[in-house]
Amino acid sequence: MDAVRVALLRDVLAGTEWLGATRHFAGTLRGSVVSHGGGLLLVGTPRYEPWHLAAHLVDEAAWSGTPELAPTLVRHGARPSDPAHLAVGLGRLEAARRGETLLVVAPPGETAGEASAPLLERVCGARRAGATVLSLGPGEGELPAMAHEALPVPDGSELDLDTVQHLVSAAAGENVLPARRGPRRFRDRLSRLADLLTAPPPTRW
């Protein structure tokens, strides 16, 4: 999702709770990493890897002049033979210390059960070691309970997890928040966004 579509989406969501929630979460993320000079660890679940969010945060770090936003992507299936930026495994969470920020992204329900037990144990250990833990996705369970800040994206929400990640990454890279706009009906804003995103590109002569 490029900057134009993010702007259109924000226009649609103006007056809803999503803009305030994503900007607050992004502000917490940015404040944590900037105040400590970086140290952002990003991890998903065994079945969900937030590589797209990692790429967007790298872009935002460059565009905003905030290198602290560039994350280290921690992967469940990392192998030593992988490229360096993809070869960081869960052991990195065990080395997390005070001053580092751990952002955990998970679809609803994917941090429950035995498959995610090793992840939750490492997240808990990182928190005990002094790392700041942020949770994006789950609305209940062990992960949001142990997080210092959580942004839930429950099933049935108006927005899916991927869209919320776009809003968070874009807001994290902002230096100045845009002005608020007047309220409009949510259904009208959704219709306008659909029209704008499905319209053919303008003809160039």
Foldseek 3Di string as FASTA:
>chain_A
DDPVLLVLVCQLCFPHCLLVLLLVLLVVVLVLQQVLVAAEEEEEFLVDFVVVLLVLQCVLCVVLVNVNSRYQGEHCPADPPDPPSRRHYLVVLLVAAASHEYEYEYAEPRCDDDRNVVVLVSPLNNVVRHYAYEYEAYPDDSRVVSHPYYDHDHPPDPDGRVSSSVSNSVSNSDPDDDDGDDDDDSVVSVVVSVCVVPDDDDDDD
